[in-house]
N, C-alpha and C. Protein backbone atom coordinates (compact mmCIF):
# COMPACT_ATOMS: atom_id res chain seq x y z
N UNK A 1 -89.11 147.58 130.71
CA UNK A 1 -89.46 149.00 130.68
C UNK A 1 -90.99 149.13 130.72
N UNK A 2 -91.51 149.98 131.62
CA UNK A 2 -92.96 150.16 131.70
C UNK A 2 -93.50 150.86 130.46
N UNK A 3 -94.75 150.58 130.15
CA UNK A 3 -95.39 151.21 129.01
C UNK A 3 -95.94 152.57 129.39
N UNK A 4 -96.02 153.44 128.42
CA UNK A 4 -96.64 154.75 128.59
C UNK A 4 -98.07 154.66 128.07
N UNK A 5 -99.00 155.29 128.78
CA UNK A 5 -100.41 155.32 128.39
C UNK A 5 -100.86 156.76 128.42
N UNK A 6 -101.28 157.30 127.27
CA UNK A 6 -101.61 158.72 127.18
C UNK A 6 -102.84 158.92 126.30
N UNK A 7 -103.66 159.89 126.70
CA UNK A 7 -104.83 160.29 125.90
C UNK A 7 -104.59 161.72 125.44
N UNK A 8 -104.93 161.99 124.18
CA UNK A 8 -104.78 163.34 123.64
C UNK A 8 -106.08 163.80 123.01
N UNK A 9 -106.28 165.11 123.00
CA UNK A 9 -107.39 165.73 122.28
C UNK A 9 -106.78 166.82 121.41
N UNK A 10 -107.01 166.72 120.10
CA UNK A 10 -106.43 167.65 119.13
C UNK A 10 -107.53 168.53 118.57
N UNK A 11 -107.31 169.84 118.61
CA UNK A 11 -108.29 170.80 118.10
C UNK A 11 -107.70 171.61 116.95
N UNK A 12 -108.57 172.04 116.06
CA UNK A 12 -108.17 172.82 114.89
C UNK A 12 -108.93 172.29 113.69
N UNK A 13 -108.31 172.34 112.51
CA UNK A 13 -108.91 171.72 111.33
C UNK A 13 -108.39 170.29 111.29
N UNK A 14 -109.10 169.39 111.98
CA UNK A 14 -108.61 168.03 112.16
C UNK A 14 -109.65 166.97 111.77
N UNK A 15 -110.80 167.40 111.28
CA UNK A 15 -111.80 166.44 110.80
C UNK A 15 -112.03 166.66 109.31
N UNK A 16 -112.28 165.55 108.62
CA UNK A 16 -112.56 165.63 107.19
C UNK A 16 -111.32 165.78 106.33
N UNK A 17 -110.13 165.58 106.90
CA UNK A 17 -108.89 165.77 106.15
C UNK A 17 -107.94 164.58 106.30
N UNK A 18 -108.43 163.48 106.85
CA UNK A 18 -107.59 162.29 106.99
C UNK A 18 -106.79 162.22 108.27
N UNK A 19 -107.16 162.99 109.28
CA UNK A 19 -106.38 163.01 110.52
C UNK A 19 -106.41 161.65 111.22
N UNK A 20 -107.57 161.00 111.26
CA UNK A 20 -107.63 159.69 111.94
C UNK A 20 -106.77 158.67 111.22
N UNK A 21 -106.77 158.66 109.90
CA UNK A 21 -105.90 157.74 109.15
C UNK A 21 -104.43 158.05 109.42
N UNK A 22 -104.10 159.33 109.51
CA UNK A 22 -102.74 159.75 109.83
C UNK A 22 -102.33 159.21 111.21
N UNK A 23 -103.21 159.36 112.20
CA UNK A 23 -102.91 158.88 113.56
C UNK A 23 -102.73 157.36 113.55
N UNK A 24 -103.60 156.65 112.84
CA UNK A 24 -103.49 155.19 112.77
C UNK A 24 -102.17 154.77 112.12
N UNK A 25 -101.73 155.49 111.09
CA UNK A 25 -100.48 155.12 110.43
C UNK A 25 -99.28 155.43 111.33
N UNK A 26 -99.34 156.53 112.07
CA UNK A 26 -98.28 156.85 113.04
C UNK A 26 -98.22 155.76 114.11
N UNK A 27 -99.37 155.32 114.59
CA UNK A 27 -99.41 154.27 115.61
C UNK A 27 -98.82 152.97 115.07
N UNK A 28 -99.16 152.62 113.83
CA UNK A 28 -98.63 151.38 113.25
C UNK A 28 -97.11 151.45 113.10
N UNK A 29 -96.59 152.58 112.62
CA UNK A 29 -95.14 152.73 112.44
C UNK A 29 -94.40 152.69 113.77
N UNK A 30 -95.07 153.06 114.85
CA UNK A 30 -94.42 153.13 116.15
C UNK A 30 -94.80 151.98 117.08
N UNK A 31 -95.48 150.97 116.54
CA UNK A 31 -95.86 149.79 117.31
C UNK A 31 -96.64 150.17 118.57
N UNK A 32 -97.64 151.04 118.38
CA UNK A 32 -98.45 151.56 119.47
C UNK A 32 -99.84 150.94 119.41
N UNK A 33 -100.36 150.61 120.59
CA UNK A 33 -101.75 150.16 120.71
C UNK A 33 -102.62 151.35 121.07
N UNK A 34 -103.93 151.23 120.79
CA UNK A 34 -104.85 152.29 121.19
C UNK A 34 -105.97 152.49 120.21
N UNK A 35 -106.43 153.73 120.12
CA UNK A 35 -107.55 154.05 119.23
C UNK A 35 -107.58 155.55 118.94
N UNK A 36 -108.39 155.90 117.94
CA UNK A 36 -108.60 157.29 117.56
C UNK A 36 -110.06 157.45 117.16
N UNK A 37 -110.63 158.63 117.43
CA UNK A 37 -112.01 158.91 117.02
C UNK A 37 -112.23 160.41 116.89
N UNK A 38 -113.19 160.76 116.05
CA UNK A 38 -113.67 162.14 115.98
C UNK A 38 -114.58 162.38 117.17
N UNK A 39 -114.65 163.63 117.61
CA UNK A 39 -115.60 164.01 118.65
C UNK A 39 -116.58 165.01 118.07
N UNK A 40 -117.75 165.04 118.64
CA UNK A 40 -118.82 165.90 118.13
C UNK A 40 -118.49 167.38 118.14
N UNK A 41 -117.51 167.79 118.94
CA UNK A 41 -117.14 169.21 119.00
C UNK A 41 -116.13 169.61 117.93
N UNK A 42 -115.80 168.66 117.02
CA UNK A 42 -114.87 168.96 115.93
C UNK A 42 -113.43 168.57 116.22
N UNK A 43 -113.15 168.07 117.41
CA UNK A 43 -111.80 167.66 117.75
C UNK A 43 -111.60 166.18 117.43
N UNK A 44 -110.37 165.73 117.58
CA UNK A 44 -110.01 164.32 117.43
C UNK A 44 -109.38 163.88 118.73
N UNK A 45 -109.77 162.71 119.21
CA UNK A 45 -109.26 162.15 120.46
C UNK A 45 -108.55 160.84 120.16
N UNK A 46 -107.46 160.58 120.87
CA UNK A 46 -106.74 159.32 120.68
C UNK A 46 -106.16 158.85 122.01
N UNK A 47 -106.00 157.54 122.13
CA UNK A 47 -105.31 156.93 123.26
C UNK A 47 -104.16 156.11 122.69
N UNK A 48 -102.97 156.30 123.27
CA UNK A 48 -101.77 155.60 122.85
C UNK A 48 -101.21 154.79 124.01
N UNK A 49 -100.78 153.57 123.74
CA UNK A 49 -100.08 152.75 124.72
C UNK A 49 -98.88 152.11 124.04
N UNK A 50 -97.72 152.29 124.63
CA UNK A 50 -96.50 151.72 124.06
C UNK A 50 -95.28 152.18 124.83
N UNK A 51 -94.12 151.91 124.26
CA UNK A 51 -92.88 152.37 124.89
C UNK A 51 -92.90 153.90 124.98
N UNK A 52 -92.43 154.47 126.07
CA UNK A 52 -92.52 155.91 126.26
C UNK A 52 -91.98 156.75 125.10
N UNK A 53 -90.84 156.34 124.52
CA UNK A 53 -90.29 157.14 123.41
C UNK A 53 -91.17 157.05 122.16
N UNK A 54 -91.81 155.92 121.95
CA UNK A 54 -92.69 155.76 120.79
C UNK A 54 -93.97 156.58 120.97
N UNK A 55 -94.53 156.56 122.19
CA UNK A 55 -95.72 157.37 122.47
C UNK A 55 -95.39 158.85 122.32
N UNK A 56 -94.24 159.27 122.83
CA UNK A 56 -93.83 160.68 122.69
C UNK A 56 -93.69 161.06 121.22
N UNK A 57 -93.15 160.16 120.40
CA UNK A 57 -93.02 160.42 118.97
C UNK A 57 -94.40 160.57 118.32
N UNK A 58 -95.34 159.71 118.69
CA UNK A 58 -96.69 159.79 118.13
C UNK A 58 -97.38 161.09 118.51
N UNK A 59 -97.24 161.49 119.77
CA UNK A 59 -97.84 162.76 120.21
C UNK A 59 -97.23 163.92 119.44
N UNK A 60 -95.91 163.91 119.26
CA UNK A 60 -95.25 164.98 118.50
C UNK A 60 -95.75 165.02 117.07
N UNK A 61 -95.94 163.85 116.45
CA UNK A 61 -96.47 163.81 115.08
C UNK A 61 -97.87 164.40 115.03
N UNK A 62 -98.68 164.14 116.06
CA UNK A 62 -100.05 164.67 116.09
C UNK A 62 -100.06 166.18 116.28
N UNK A 63 -99.03 166.73 116.90
CA UNK A 63 -98.94 168.19 117.03
C UNK A 63 -98.79 168.85 115.66
N UNK A 64 -98.15 168.14 114.72
CA UNK A 64 -98.00 168.65 113.35
C UNK A 64 -99.20 168.26 112.49
N UNK A 65 -99.59 166.99 112.56
CA UNK A 65 -100.71 166.48 111.77
C UNK A 65 -100.33 166.26 110.32
N UNK A 66 -101.29 165.76 109.52
CA UNK A 66 -101.05 165.57 108.10
C UNK A 66 -101.05 166.91 107.36
N UNK A 67 -100.67 166.91 106.09
CA UNK A 67 -100.51 168.18 105.36
C UNK A 67 -101.73 169.11 105.36
N UNK A 68 -102.95 168.57 105.30
CA UNK A 68 -104.13 169.45 105.22
C UNK A 68 -104.64 169.90 106.58
N UNK A 69 -104.05 169.40 107.65
CA UNK A 69 -104.51 169.75 109.00
C UNK A 69 -103.97 171.10 109.44
N UNK A 70 -104.69 171.68 110.38
CA UNK A 70 -104.21 172.85 111.12
C UNK A 70 -104.45 172.54 112.59
N UNK A 71 -103.39 172.26 113.31
CA UNK A 71 -103.51 171.92 114.72
C UNK A 71 -103.39 173.20 115.53
N UNK A 72 -104.49 173.57 116.18
CA UNK A 72 -104.50 174.77 117.03
C UNK A 72 -104.04 174.45 118.44
N UNK A 73 -104.41 173.26 118.93
CA UNK A 73 -103.99 172.87 120.27
C UNK A 73 -104.00 171.35 120.39
N UNK A 74 -103.16 170.84 121.27
CA UNK A 74 -103.12 169.42 121.59
C UNK A 74 -103.05 169.32 123.10
N UNK A 75 -104.08 168.74 123.68
CA UNK A 75 -104.18 168.58 125.13
C UNK A 75 -103.83 167.14 125.48
N UNK A 76 -102.97 166.96 126.47
CA UNK A 76 -102.65 165.62 126.94
C UNK A 76 -103.37 165.41 128.26
N UNK A 77 -103.96 164.22 128.40
CA UNK A 77 -104.76 163.88 129.57
C UNK A 77 -104.34 162.52 130.10
N UNK A 78 -104.66 162.28 131.34
CA UNK A 78 -104.39 160.96 131.92
C UNK A 78 -105.26 159.93 131.22
N UNK A 79 -104.73 158.75 131.02
CA UNK A 79 -105.48 157.65 130.43
C UNK A 79 -105.40 156.45 131.37
N UNK A 80 -106.37 155.57 131.24
CA UNK A 80 -106.42 154.37 132.07
C UNK A 80 -106.52 153.13 131.18
N UNK A 81 -106.35 151.99 131.78
CA UNK A 81 -106.55 150.75 131.05
C UNK A 81 -107.96 150.63 130.51
N UNK A 82 -108.93 151.21 131.22
CA UNK A 82 -110.32 151.20 130.73
C UNK A 82 -110.43 151.99 129.42
N UNK A 83 -109.70 153.09 129.32
CA UNK A 83 -109.68 153.86 128.07
C UNK A 83 -109.15 152.99 126.93
N UNK A 84 -108.06 152.28 127.19
CA UNK A 84 -107.45 151.43 126.17
C UNK A 84 -108.40 150.31 125.76
N UNK A 85 -109.21 149.83 126.70
CA UNK A 85 -110.13 148.73 126.43
C UNK A 85 -111.27 149.11 125.48
N UNK A 86 -111.38 150.37 125.10
CA UNK A 86 -112.42 150.77 124.14
C UNK A 86 -112.09 150.31 122.72
N UNK A 87 -110.86 149.81 122.51
CA UNK A 87 -110.50 149.27 121.19
C UNK A 87 -111.47 148.18 120.78
N UNK A 88 -111.59 148.00 119.48
CA UNK A 88 -112.40 146.90 118.95
C UNK A 88 -111.68 145.58 119.24
N UNK A 89 -112.42 144.55 119.62
CA UNK A 89 -111.80 143.26 119.95
C UNK A 89 -110.90 142.75 118.82
N UNK A 90 -109.72 142.30 119.19
CA UNK A 90 -108.79 141.73 118.23
C UNK A 90 -107.97 142.73 117.46
N UNK A 91 -108.19 144.02 117.68
CA UNK A 91 -107.43 145.05 116.97
C UNK A 91 -106.39 145.68 117.88
N UNK A 92 -105.22 145.91 117.34
CA UNK A 92 -104.16 146.58 118.10
C UNK A 92 -104.45 148.08 118.19
N UNK A 93 -104.93 148.67 117.07
CA UNK A 93 -105.27 150.09 117.03
C UNK A 93 -106.57 150.24 116.25
N UNK A 94 -107.55 150.91 116.85
CA UNK A 94 -108.89 151.00 116.26
C UNK A 94 -109.26 152.42 115.89
N UNK A 95 -110.09 152.54 114.87
CA UNK A 95 -110.77 153.80 114.57
C UNK A 95 -112.18 153.61 115.13
N UNK A 96 -112.52 154.40 116.15
CA UNK A 96 -113.80 154.26 116.81
C UNK A 96 -114.82 155.23 116.22
N UNK A 97 -116.11 154.95 116.44
CA UNK A 97 -117.15 155.88 115.98
C UNK A 97 -117.05 157.23 116.70
N UNK A 98 -117.58 158.26 116.08
CA UNK A 98 -117.60 159.59 116.67
C UNK A 98 -118.31 159.57 118.02
N UNK A 99 -117.74 160.29 118.97
CA UNK A 99 -118.34 160.39 120.31
C UNK A 99 -119.21 161.63 120.36
């Protein structure tokens, strides 16, 4: 089965409330590779790579977010292998510095 590769940008109250840790835990539970980072505009960006149903589950979880989050919008974008390569060496899922 081919892997799904997806990039998302989540807007709302998503910084300073544990959203990146939430995304990393969702990725770990779903055996997903990728990364997550805050962006300077207040949004959170993530790249997911894994089985299509697991990636879909992770995206759905991000639409809800953790208890203190308020997700106003979630944009899905095309992702490439180069996007996935931004992970830290040796890590399956990374928390990257703010862009």
